[in-house]
């Protein structure tokens, strides 16, 4: 599909999407929890899908589609849904409208998990691609890194470690 055709499809689909959202909101009433779920769902689907690649671009972060699973590295295949993420405006990195990456607020050397989104700071990340390429926890104390301290192989877990600027802490977000 050409960019022009894609834009035309978006222009046709957008009014239908907006109408559907307004209908859902009217049915939900003013329940703030339900409205937040709708808001998150809409933003998720309007945010670009991205892969998160290691600096070498040989490996990508991958998840399992359900909650409570570890993030690992895998051979890049942008067609695999488990390698598609969305970095949302609230700082969360999502694999699904209701599933977020989560760090352990207790400290370093802990795996990054996929967890039900809950608006806690442990699910918010800052990506500094333009400066150093790190993905930092919300408190800026730790960076995503490989469990094996830089030795990246298939299935290596992603954990939080003190930020040290090594290549094992540098990631690229690429739009799909």
N, C-alpha and C. Protein backbone atom coordinates (compact mmCIF):
# COMPACT_ATOMS: atom_id res chain seq x y z
N UNK A 1 0.85 -1.17 0.00
CA UNK A 1 0.00 0.00 0.00
C UNK A 1 0.90 1.23 0.00
N UNK A 2 0.60 2.17 -0.86
CA UNK A 2 1.39 3.40 -0.92
C UNK A 2 1.04 4.30 0.25
N UNK A 3 1.93 5.28 0.52
CA UNK A 3 1.66 6.22 1.60
C UNK A 3 0.37 6.98 1.37
N UNK A 4 0.09 7.35 0.13
CA UNK A 4 -1.14 8.08 -0.19
C UNK A 4 -2.36 7.22 0.11
N UNK A 5 -2.34 5.94 -0.30
CA UNK A 5 -3.46 5.05 -0.02
C UNK A 5 -3.62 4.84 1.48
N UNK A 6 -2.50 4.72 2.19
CA UNK A 6 -2.53 4.55 3.64
C UNK A 6 -3.16 5.77 4.29
N UNK A 7 -2.81 6.97 3.83
CA UNK A 7 -3.41 8.19 4.37
C UNK A 7 -4.90 8.24 4.10
N UNK A 8 -5.32 7.83 2.91
CA UNK A 8 -6.74 7.81 2.58
C UNK A 8 -7.51 6.85 3.47
N UNK A 9 -6.94 5.68 3.73
CA UNK A 9 -7.58 4.71 4.61
C UNK A 9 -7.70 5.30 6.01
N UNK A 10 -6.63 5.96 6.49
CA UNK A 10 -6.66 6.58 7.81
C UNK A 10 -7.75 7.64 7.89
N UNK A 11 -7.94 8.42 6.85
CA UNK A 11 -8.96 9.46 6.85
C UNK A 11 -10.36 8.87 6.87
N UNK A 12 -10.53 7.70 6.30
CA UNK A 12 -11.83 7.04 6.31
C UNK A 12 -12.08 6.37 7.65
N UNK A 13 -11.07 5.75 8.22
CA UNK A 13 -11.21 5.00 9.46
C UNK A 13 -11.32 5.92 10.68
N UNK A 14 -10.64 7.04 10.67
CA UNK A 14 -10.60 7.92 11.83
C UNK A 14 -11.98 8.39 12.28
N UNK A 15 -12.85 8.88 11.39
CA UNK A 15 -14.18 9.31 11.86
C UNK A 15 -14.99 8.15 12.46
N UNK A 16 -14.84 6.96 11.89
CA UNK A 16 -15.54 5.80 12.43
C UNK A 16 -15.01 5.48 13.83
N UNK A 17 -13.70 5.56 13.98
CA UNK A 17 -13.08 5.31 15.28
C UNK A 17 -13.55 6.33 16.31
N UNK A 18 -13.54 7.59 15.94
CA UNK A 18 -13.97 8.65 16.87
C UNK A 18 -15.44 8.45 17.25
N UNK A 19 -16.29 8.15 16.28
CA UNK A 19 -17.70 7.92 16.56
C UNK A 19 -17.88 6.75 17.52
N UNK A 20 -17.13 5.68 17.29
CA UNK A 20 -17.22 4.51 18.16
C UNK A 20 -16.77 4.84 19.58
N UNK A 21 -15.72 5.61 19.70
CA UNK A 21 -15.21 6.00 21.01
C UNK A 21 -16.23 6.84 21.76
N UNK A 22 -16.82 7.79 21.06
CA UNK A 22 -17.83 8.64 21.70
C UNK A 22 -19.03 7.82 22.17
N UNK A 23 -19.42 6.83 21.38
CA UNK A 23 -20.52 5.94 21.78
C UNK A 23 -20.14 5.15 23.03
N UNK A 24 -18.94 4.64 23.07
CA UNK A 24 -18.47 3.88 24.23
C UNK A 24 -18.44 4.77 25.47
N UNK A 25 -17.93 5.97 25.33
CA UNK A 25 -17.86 6.90 26.46
C UNK A 25 -19.27 7.21 26.98
N UNK A 26 -20.21 7.42 26.07
CA UNK A 26 -21.59 7.70 26.48
C UNK A 26 -22.18 6.51 27.25
N UNK A 27 -21.85 5.30 26.81
CA UNK A 27 -22.37 4.11 27.49
C UNK A 27 -21.71 3.91 28.86
N UNK A 28 -20.47 4.32 29.01
CA UNK A 28 -19.75 4.11 30.26
C UNK A 28 -20.13 5.12 31.33
N UNK A 29 -20.70 6.23 30.93
CA UNK A 29 -20.99 7.28 31.90
C UNK A 29 -19.71 8.00 32.27
N UNK A 30 -19.59 8.40 33.50
CA UNK A 30 -18.42 9.18 33.91
C UNK A 30 -17.53 8.41 34.87
N UNK A 31 -17.50 7.10 34.78
CA UNK A 31 -16.63 6.28 35.61
C UNK A 31 -15.19 6.53 35.20
N UNK A 32 -14.35 7.17 36.07
CA UNK A 32 -12.99 7.54 35.68
C UNK A 32 -12.11 6.35 35.32
N UNK A 33 -12.31 5.23 35.97
CA UNK A 33 -11.49 4.04 35.66
C UNK A 33 -11.80 3.54 34.26
N UNK A 34 -13.07 3.46 33.93
CA UNK A 34 -13.45 2.99 32.59
C UNK A 34 -13.02 3.99 31.52
N UNK A 35 -13.15 5.28 31.83
CA UNK A 35 -12.73 6.29 30.86
C UNK A 35 -11.22 6.22 30.62
N UNK A 36 -10.43 5.95 31.66
CA UNK A 36 -8.98 5.81 31.52
C UNK A 36 -8.65 4.60 30.63
N UNK A 37 -9.39 3.52 30.78
CA UNK A 37 -9.18 2.35 29.93
C UNK A 37 -9.44 2.68 28.46
N UNK A 38 -10.49 3.42 28.20
CA UNK A 38 -10.80 3.82 26.83
C UNK A 38 -9.71 4.74 26.29
N UNK A 39 -9.29 5.71 27.10
CA UNK A 39 -8.24 6.64 26.70
C UNK A 39 -6.95 5.88 26.35
N UNK A 40 -6.56 4.93 27.21
CA UNK A 40 -5.35 4.13 26.97
C UNK A 40 -5.48 3.31 25.69
N UNK A 41 -6.65 2.72 25.49
CA UNK A 41 -6.90 1.90 24.30
C UNK A 41 -6.74 2.73 23.03
N UNK A 42 -7.33 3.92 23.03
CA UNK A 42 -7.27 4.80 21.86
C UNK A 42 -5.83 5.25 21.61
N UNK A 43 -5.14 5.72 22.65
CA UNK A 43 -3.76 6.17 22.46
C UNK A 43 -2.89 5.02 21.96
N UNK A 44 -3.08 3.84 22.52
CA UNK A 44 -2.29 2.67 22.10
C UNK A 44 -2.41 2.45 20.60
N UNK A 45 -3.63 2.51 20.09
CA UNK A 45 -3.85 2.23 18.67
C UNK A 45 -3.46 3.40 17.76
N UNK A 46 -3.28 4.58 18.32
CA UNK A 46 -2.84 5.71 17.52
C UNK A 46 -1.32 5.94 17.60
N UNK A 47 -0.66 5.20 18.50
CA UNK A 47 0.79 5.32 18.66
C UNK A 47 1.48 4.33 17.73
N UNK A 48 2.57 4.78 17.11
CA UNK A 48 3.29 3.93 16.16
C UNK A 48 3.87 2.69 16.84
N UNK A 49 3.77 1.57 16.12
CA UNK A 49 4.43 0.35 16.56
C UNK A 49 5.92 0.51 16.29
N UNK A 50 6.74 0.00 17.21
CA UNK A 50 8.18 0.07 17.06
C UNK A 50 8.82 -1.23 17.52
N UNK A 51 9.97 -1.52 16.93
CA UNK A 51 10.81 -2.56 17.49
C UNK A 51 11.86 -1.86 18.34
N UNK A 52 12.34 -2.56 19.35
CA UNK A 52 13.42 -2.03 20.19
C UNK A 52 14.62 -2.92 19.93
N UNK A 53 15.61 -2.36 19.24
CA UNK A 53 16.78 -3.12 18.81
C UNK A 53 17.99 -2.83 19.68
N UNK A 54 18.84 -3.86 19.81
CA UNK A 54 20.13 -3.64 20.46
C UNK A 54 20.96 -2.76 19.54
N UNK A 55 22.02 -2.20 20.06
CA UNK A 55 22.84 -1.28 19.28
C UNK A 55 23.37 -1.94 18.00
N UNK A 56 23.68 -3.22 18.05
CA UNK A 56 24.18 -3.94 16.88
C UNK A 56 23.09 -4.16 15.82
N UNK A 57 21.83 -3.95 16.21
CA UNK A 57 20.65 -4.18 15.37
C UNK A 57 20.47 -5.65 15.00
N UNK A 58 21.24 -6.52 15.63
CA UNK A 58 21.13 -7.96 15.38
C UNK A 58 19.97 -8.57 16.18
N UNK A 59 19.73 -8.02 17.37
CA UNK A 59 18.71 -8.56 18.26
C UNK A 59 17.67 -7.51 18.60
N UNK A 60 16.47 -7.99 18.92
CA UNK A 60 15.37 -7.12 19.33
C UNK A 60 14.81 -7.61 20.66
N UNK A 61 14.22 -6.69 21.40
CA UNK A 61 13.52 -7.09 22.61
C UNK A 61 12.26 -7.85 22.20
N UNK A 62 11.92 -8.85 22.98
CA UNK A 62 10.75 -9.67 22.69
C UNK A 62 10.02 -9.99 23.99
N UNK A 63 8.73 -10.17 23.87
CA UNK A 63 7.89 -10.49 25.03
C UNK A 63 7.01 -11.67 24.68
N UNK A 64 6.32 -12.14 25.68
CA UNK A 64 5.24 -13.09 25.46
C UNK A 64 3.96 -12.27 25.55
N UNK A 65 2.90 -12.69 24.88
CA UNK A 65 1.71 -11.84 24.82
C UNK A 65 0.97 -11.68 26.13
N UNK A 66 1.26 -12.50 27.11
CA UNK A 66 0.52 -12.39 28.37
C UNK A 66 1.32 -11.63 29.42
N UNK A 67 0.67 -11.32 30.50
CA UNK A 67 1.29 -10.61 31.60
C UNK A 67 2.15 -11.55 32.44
N UNK A 68 3.07 -10.97 33.21
CA UNK A 68 3.95 -11.69 34.14
C UNK A 68 4.97 -12.55 33.41
N UNK A 69 5.58 -12.02 32.36
CA UNK A 69 6.64 -12.73 31.63
C UNK A 69 7.84 -11.81 31.50
N UNK A 70 9.02 -12.39 31.36
CA UNK A 70 10.25 -11.61 31.24
C UNK A 70 10.44 -11.13 29.81
N UNK A 71 11.13 -9.99 29.68
CA UNK A 71 11.55 -9.48 28.37
C UNK A 71 12.91 -10.09 28.06
N UNK A 72 13.07 -10.60 26.85
CA UNK A 72 14.32 -11.24 26.43
C UNK A 72 14.74 -10.67 25.08
N UNK A 73 15.95 -11.04 24.63
CA UNK A 73 16.36 -10.68 23.28
C UNK A 73 16.11 -11.85 22.35
N UNK A 74 15.79 -11.51 21.11
CA UNK A 74 15.46 -12.50 20.09
C UNK A 74 15.98 -11.99 18.75
N UNK A 75 16.11 -12.87 17.79
CA UNK A 75 16.45 -12.44 16.42
C UNK A 75 15.35 -11.50 15.95
N UNK A 76 15.74 -10.40 15.35
CA UNK A 76 14.75 -9.41 14.91
C UNK A 76 13.89 -9.96 13.78
N UNK A 77 12.59 -9.79 13.94
CA UNK A 77 11.61 -10.11 12.91
C UNK A 77 10.43 -9.17 13.15
N UNK A 78 10.41 -8.05 12.44
CA UNK A 78 9.40 -7.01 12.69
C UNK A 78 7.98 -7.49 12.46
N UNK A 79 7.80 -8.65 11.84
CA UNK A 79 6.46 -9.19 11.63
C UNK A 79 5.93 -9.94 12.84
N UNK A 80 6.79 -10.19 13.81
CA UNK A 80 6.35 -10.90 15.02
C UNK A 80 5.74 -9.91 16.00
N UNK A 81 4.49 -10.13 16.38
CA UNK A 81 3.84 -9.22 17.33
C UNK A 81 4.56 -9.11 18.67
N UNK A 82 5.28 -10.15 19.08
CA UNK A 82 5.96 -10.10 20.38
C UNK A 82 7.20 -9.20 20.35
N UNK A 83 7.53 -8.66 19.18
CA UNK A 83 8.64 -7.71 19.07
C UNK A 83 8.15 -6.31 18.73
N UNK A 84 6.86 -6.09 18.90
CA UNK A 84 6.27 -4.78 18.59
C UNK A 84 5.86 -4.10 19.89
N UNK A 85 6.37 -2.90 20.08
CA UNK A 85 6.12 -2.14 21.30
C UNK A 85 5.60 -0.76 20.93
N UNK A 86 4.98 -0.12 21.90
CA UNK A 86 4.54 1.27 21.72
C UNK A 86 4.99 2.05 22.95
N UNK A 87 5.79 3.11 22.72
CA UNK A 87 6.23 3.98 23.82
C UNK A 87 5.20 5.09 23.93
N UNK A 88 4.41 5.05 24.98
CA UNK A 88 3.26 5.93 25.14
C UNK A 88 3.66 7.27 25.76
N UNK A 89 2.75 8.24 25.67
CA UNK A 89 3.03 9.59 26.18
C UNK A 89 3.20 9.61 27.69
N UNK A 90 2.66 8.62 28.41
CA UNK A 90 2.81 8.59 29.86
C UNK A 90 4.12 7.93 30.30
N UNK A 91 4.97 7.54 29.32
CA UNK A 91 6.26 6.93 29.63
C UNK A 91 6.25 5.41 29.63
N UNK A 92 5.07 4.81 29.57
CA UNK A 92 5.01 3.36 29.55
C UNK A 92 5.43 2.84 28.19
N UNK A 93 5.95 1.62 28.19
CA UNK A 93 6.25 0.90 26.95
C UNK A 93 5.34 -0.31 26.97
N UNK A 94 4.44 -0.36 26.00
CA UNK A 94 3.38 -1.38 26.03
C UNK A 94 3.53 -2.42 24.94
N UNK A 95 3.10 -3.63 25.30
CA UNK A 95 3.04 -4.74 24.35
C UNK A 95 1.60 -4.99 23.93
N UNK A 96 0.67 -4.38 24.62
CA UNK A 96 -0.77 -4.58 24.47
C UNK A 96 -1.41 -3.38 25.17
N UNK A 97 -2.66 -3.03 24.85
CA UNK A 97 -3.26 -1.87 25.52
C UNK A 97 -3.22 -1.95 27.05
N UNK A 98 -3.25 -3.18 27.61
CA UNK A 98 -3.28 -3.32 29.06
C UNK A 98 -2.00 -3.90 29.65
N UNK A 99 -0.96 -4.13 28.85
CA UNK A 99 0.28 -4.73 29.35
C UNK A 99 1.47 -3.81 29.13
N UNK A 100 2.19 -3.53 30.21
CA UNK A 100 3.32 -2.60 30.21
C UNK A 100 4.60 -3.31 30.65
N UNK A 101 5.74 -2.78 30.16
CA UNK A 101 7.01 -3.22 30.73
C UNK A 101 7.08 -2.67 32.14
N UNK A 102 7.68 -3.46 33.04
CA UNK A 102 7.78 -3.02 34.43
C UNK A 102 9.14 -3.38 34.99
N UNK A 103 9.74 -2.41 35.69
CA UNK A 103 10.98 -2.66 36.42
C UNK A 103 10.61 -2.91 37.88
N UNK A 104 11.54 -3.50 38.60
CA UNK A 104 11.33 -3.72 40.03
C UNK A 104 11.84 -2.49 40.76
N UNK A 105 10.98 -1.79 41.48
CA UNK A 105 11.42 -0.57 42.16
C UNK A 105 12.43 -0.83 43.27
N UNK A 106 12.66 -2.10 43.62
CA UNK A 106 13.59 -2.43 44.70
C UNK A 106 15.05 -2.29 44.30
N UNK A 107 15.35 -2.25 43.01
CA UNK A 107 16.73 -2.03 42.65
C UNK A 107 17.19 -2.73 41.40
N UNK A 108 18.53 -2.81 41.28
CA UNK A 108 19.13 -3.33 40.06
C UNK A 108 19.21 -4.85 40.08
N UNK A 109 19.63 -5.40 38.94
CA UNK A 109 19.77 -6.84 38.71
C UNK A 109 18.43 -7.55 38.76
N UNK A 110 17.36 -6.84 38.47
CA UNK A 110 16.03 -7.47 38.45
C UNK A 110 15.51 -7.47 37.02
N UNK A 111 14.81 -8.54 36.64
CA UNK A 111 14.34 -8.63 35.26
C UNK A 111 13.24 -7.62 34.95
N UNK A 112 13.20 -7.22 33.68
CA UNK A 112 12.09 -6.39 33.18
C UNK A 112 10.98 -7.36 32.80
N UNK A 113 9.78 -7.07 33.28
CA UNK A 113 8.63 -7.94 33.06
C UNK A 113 7.58 -7.25 32.22
N UNK A 114 6.69 -8.04 31.65
CA UNK A 114 5.43 -7.53 31.11
C UNK A 114 4.42 -7.72 32.23
N UNK A 115 3.72 -6.65 32.57
CA UNK A 115 2.80 -6.69 33.69
C UNK A 115 1.56 -5.90 33.33
N UNK A 116 0.46 -6.16 34.01
CA UNK A 116 -0.75 -5.36 33.80
C UNK A 116 -0.43 -3.91 34.11
N UNK A 117 -0.81 -3.00 33.21
CA UNK A 117 -0.55 -1.58 33.42
C UNK A 117 -1.27 -1.12 34.68
N UNK A 118 -0.56 -0.35 35.52
CA UNK A 118 -1.16 0.07 36.78
C UNK A 118 -0.82 1.52 37.16
N UNK A 119 -0.22 2.27 36.25
CA UNK A 119 0.10 3.68 36.44
C UNK A 119 1.19 3.94 37.47
N UNK A 120 1.92 2.91 37.91
CA UNK A 120 3.01 3.12 38.86
C UNK A 120 4.26 3.59 38.12
N UNK A 121 5.11 4.29 38.84
CA UNK A 121 6.35 4.80 38.24
C UNK A 121 7.25 3.68 37.73
N UNK A 122 7.16 2.49 38.32
CA UNK A 122 8.00 1.37 37.89
C UNK A 122 7.68 0.91 36.47
N UNK A 123 6.62 1.46 35.88
CA UNK A 123 6.25 1.13 34.50
C UNK A 123 6.54 2.28 33.54
N UNK A 124 7.26 3.27 34.01
CA UNK A 124 7.57 4.42 33.16
C UNK A 124 9.06 4.46 32.86
N UNK A 125 9.38 4.73 31.59
CA UNK A 125 10.77 4.71 31.14
C UNK A 125 11.05 5.94 30.28
N UNK A 126 12.30 6.35 30.30
CA UNK A 126 12.78 7.44 29.46
C UNK A 126 13.80 6.87 28.49
N UNK A 127 13.60 7.12 27.20
CA UNK A 127 14.56 6.65 26.20
C UNK A 127 15.37 7.83 25.72
N UNK A 128 16.68 7.70 25.74
CA UNK A 128 17.58 8.80 25.40
C UNK A 128 18.34 8.48 24.12
N UNK A 129 17.62 8.08 23.06
CA UNK A 129 18.29 7.68 21.82
C UNK A 129 19.13 8.81 21.24
N UNK A 130 18.62 10.04 21.32
CA UNK A 130 19.34 11.16 20.71
C UNK A 130 20.63 11.49 21.45
N UNK A 131 20.75 11.09 22.72
CA UNK A 131 21.99 11.39 23.44
C UNK A 131 22.83 10.13 23.66
N UNK A 132 22.33 9.19 24.45
CA UNK A 132 23.17 8.03 24.74
C UNK A 132 22.52 6.68 24.42
N UNK A 133 21.26 6.65 23.99
CA UNK A 133 20.61 5.40 23.58
C UNK A 133 20.07 4.55 24.71
N UNK A 134 20.20 5.02 25.95
CA UNK A 134 19.74 4.21 27.07
C UNK A 134 18.23 4.29 27.25
N UNK A 135 17.68 3.25 27.87
CA UNK A 135 16.30 3.27 28.33
C UNK A 135 16.40 3.26 29.85
N UNK A 136 16.05 4.38 30.46
CA UNK A 136 16.22 4.55 31.90
C UNK A 136 14.89 4.38 32.63
N UNK A 137 15.00 3.87 33.86
CA UNK A 137 13.82 3.79 34.70
C UNK A 137 13.35 5.20 35.03
N UNK A 138 12.13 5.31 35.48
CA UNK A 138 11.52 6.60 35.74
C UNK A 138 12.36 7.47 36.67
N UNK A 139 12.95 6.86 37.69
CA UNK A 139 13.76 7.61 38.65
C UNK A 139 15.17 7.91 38.14
N UNK A 140 15.49 7.47 36.93
CA UNK A 140 16.77 7.71 36.27
C UNK A 140 17.95 6.98 36.93
N UNK A 141 17.69 6.09 37.88
CA UNK A 141 18.76 5.42 38.61
C UNK A 141 19.33 4.21 37.86
N UNK A 142 18.52 3.57 37.05
CA UNK A 142 18.95 2.33 36.40
C UNK A 142 18.62 2.36 34.91
N UNK A 143 19.38 1.54 34.16
CA UNK A 143 19.17 1.40 32.72
C UNK A 143 18.85 -0.06 32.38
N UNK A 144 18.09 -0.25 31.31
CA UNK A 144 17.89 -1.60 30.82
C UNK A 144 19.22 -2.11 30.29
N UNK A 145 19.50 -3.38 30.54
CA UNK A 145 20.76 -4.00 30.16
C UNK A 145 20.50 -5.50 29.99
N UNK A 146 21.50 -6.21 29.49
CA UNK A 146 21.36 -7.66 29.36
C UNK A 146 21.78 -8.32 30.66
N UNK A 147 21.14 -9.41 30.98
CA UNK A 147 21.42 -10.13 32.22
C UNK A 147 22.87 -10.60 32.28
N UNK A 148 23.43 -10.93 31.13
CA UNK A 148 24.78 -11.48 31.08
C UNK A 148 25.83 -10.38 30.93
N UNK A 149 25.48 -9.17 31.36
CA UNK A 149 26.41 -8.05 31.41
C UNK A 149 27.11 -7.82 30.08
N UNK A 150 26.32 -7.74 29.03
CA UNK A 150 26.86 -7.36 27.73
C UNK A 150 27.00 -8.52 26.75
N UNK A 151 26.97 -9.75 27.22
CA UNK A 151 27.10 -10.91 26.33
C UNK A 151 25.71 -11.28 25.83
N UNK A 152 25.29 -10.68 24.71
CA UNK A 152 23.93 -10.85 24.22
C UNK A 152 23.82 -12.11 23.36
N UNK A 153 22.95 -13.01 23.78
CA UNK A 153 22.63 -14.21 23.01
C UNK A 153 21.12 -14.36 22.99
N UNK A 154 20.61 -15.21 22.12
CA UNK A 154 19.17 -15.43 22.06
C UNK A 154 18.64 -15.85 23.43
N UNK A 155 17.56 -15.23 23.85
CA UNK A 155 16.93 -15.57 25.12
C UNK A 155 17.50 -14.86 26.33
N UNK A 156 18.54 -14.04 26.14
CA UNK A 156 19.11 -13.29 27.25
C UNK A 156 18.05 -12.37 27.84
N UNK A 157 17.89 -12.41 29.17
CA UNK A 157 16.92 -11.54 29.82
C UNK A 157 17.41 -10.10 29.86
N UNK A 158 16.45 -9.20 29.82
CA UNK A 158 16.73 -7.78 30.00
C UNK A 158 16.48 -7.46 31.47
N UNK A 159 17.45 -6.80 32.10
CA UNK A 159 17.37 -6.46 33.52
C UNK A 159 17.70 -4.98 33.70
N UNK A 160 17.56 -4.50 34.92
CA UNK A 160 18.00 -3.14 35.24
C UNK A 160 19.35 -3.21 35.92
N UNK A 161 20.26 -2.32 35.50
CA UNK A 161 21.59 -2.18 36.11
C UNK A 161 21.90 -0.70 36.24
N UNK A 162 22.92 -0.38 37.03
CA UNK A 162 23.37 1.00 37.10
C UNK A 162 23.76 1.45 35.70
N UNK A 163 23.40 2.66 35.34
CA UNK A 163 23.75 3.19 34.02
C UNK A 163 25.26 3.42 33.95
N UNK A 164 25.89 2.81 32.93
CA UNK A 164 27.34 2.95 32.80
C UNK A 164 27.78 3.31 31.39
N UNK A 165 26.81 3.46 30.47
CA UNK A 165 27.14 3.89 29.12
C UNK A 165 27.67 2.81 28.20
N UNK A 166 27.71 1.55 28.66
CA UNK A 166 28.19 0.46 27.81
C UNK A 166 27.18 0.18 26.70
N UNK A 167 27.66 -0.41 25.61
CA UNK A 167 26.80 -0.72 24.47
C UNK A 167 25.63 -1.63 24.85
N UNK A 168 25.80 -2.46 25.87
CA UNK A 168 24.72 -3.38 26.28
C UNK A 168 23.53 -2.63 26.87
N UNK A 169 23.67 -1.33 27.08
CA UNK A 169 22.58 -0.50 27.59
C UNK A 169 22.01 0.44 26.54
N UNK A 170 22.43 0.27 25.30
CA UNK A 170 21.98 1.18 24.25
C UNK A 170 21.00 0.47 23.32
N UNK A 171 19.89 1.15 23.08
CA UNK A 171 18.81 0.57 22.28
C UNK A 171 18.31 1.59 21.26
N UNK A 172 17.80 1.08 20.17
CA UNK A 172 17.21 1.91 19.12
C UNK A 172 15.75 1.56 18.95
N UNK A 173 14.88 2.57 18.94
CA UNK A 173 13.47 2.37 18.64
C UNK A 173 13.31 2.61 17.14
N UNK A 174 12.81 1.63 16.42
CA UNK A 174 12.59 1.80 14.97
C UNK A 174 11.11 1.63 14.66
N UNK A 175 10.55 2.63 13.97
CA UNK A 175 9.13 2.59 13.57
C UNK A 175 8.90 1.46 12.57
N UNK A 176 7.75 0.84 12.71
CA UNK A 176 7.35 -0.21 11.78
C UNK A 176 6.42 0.36 10.72
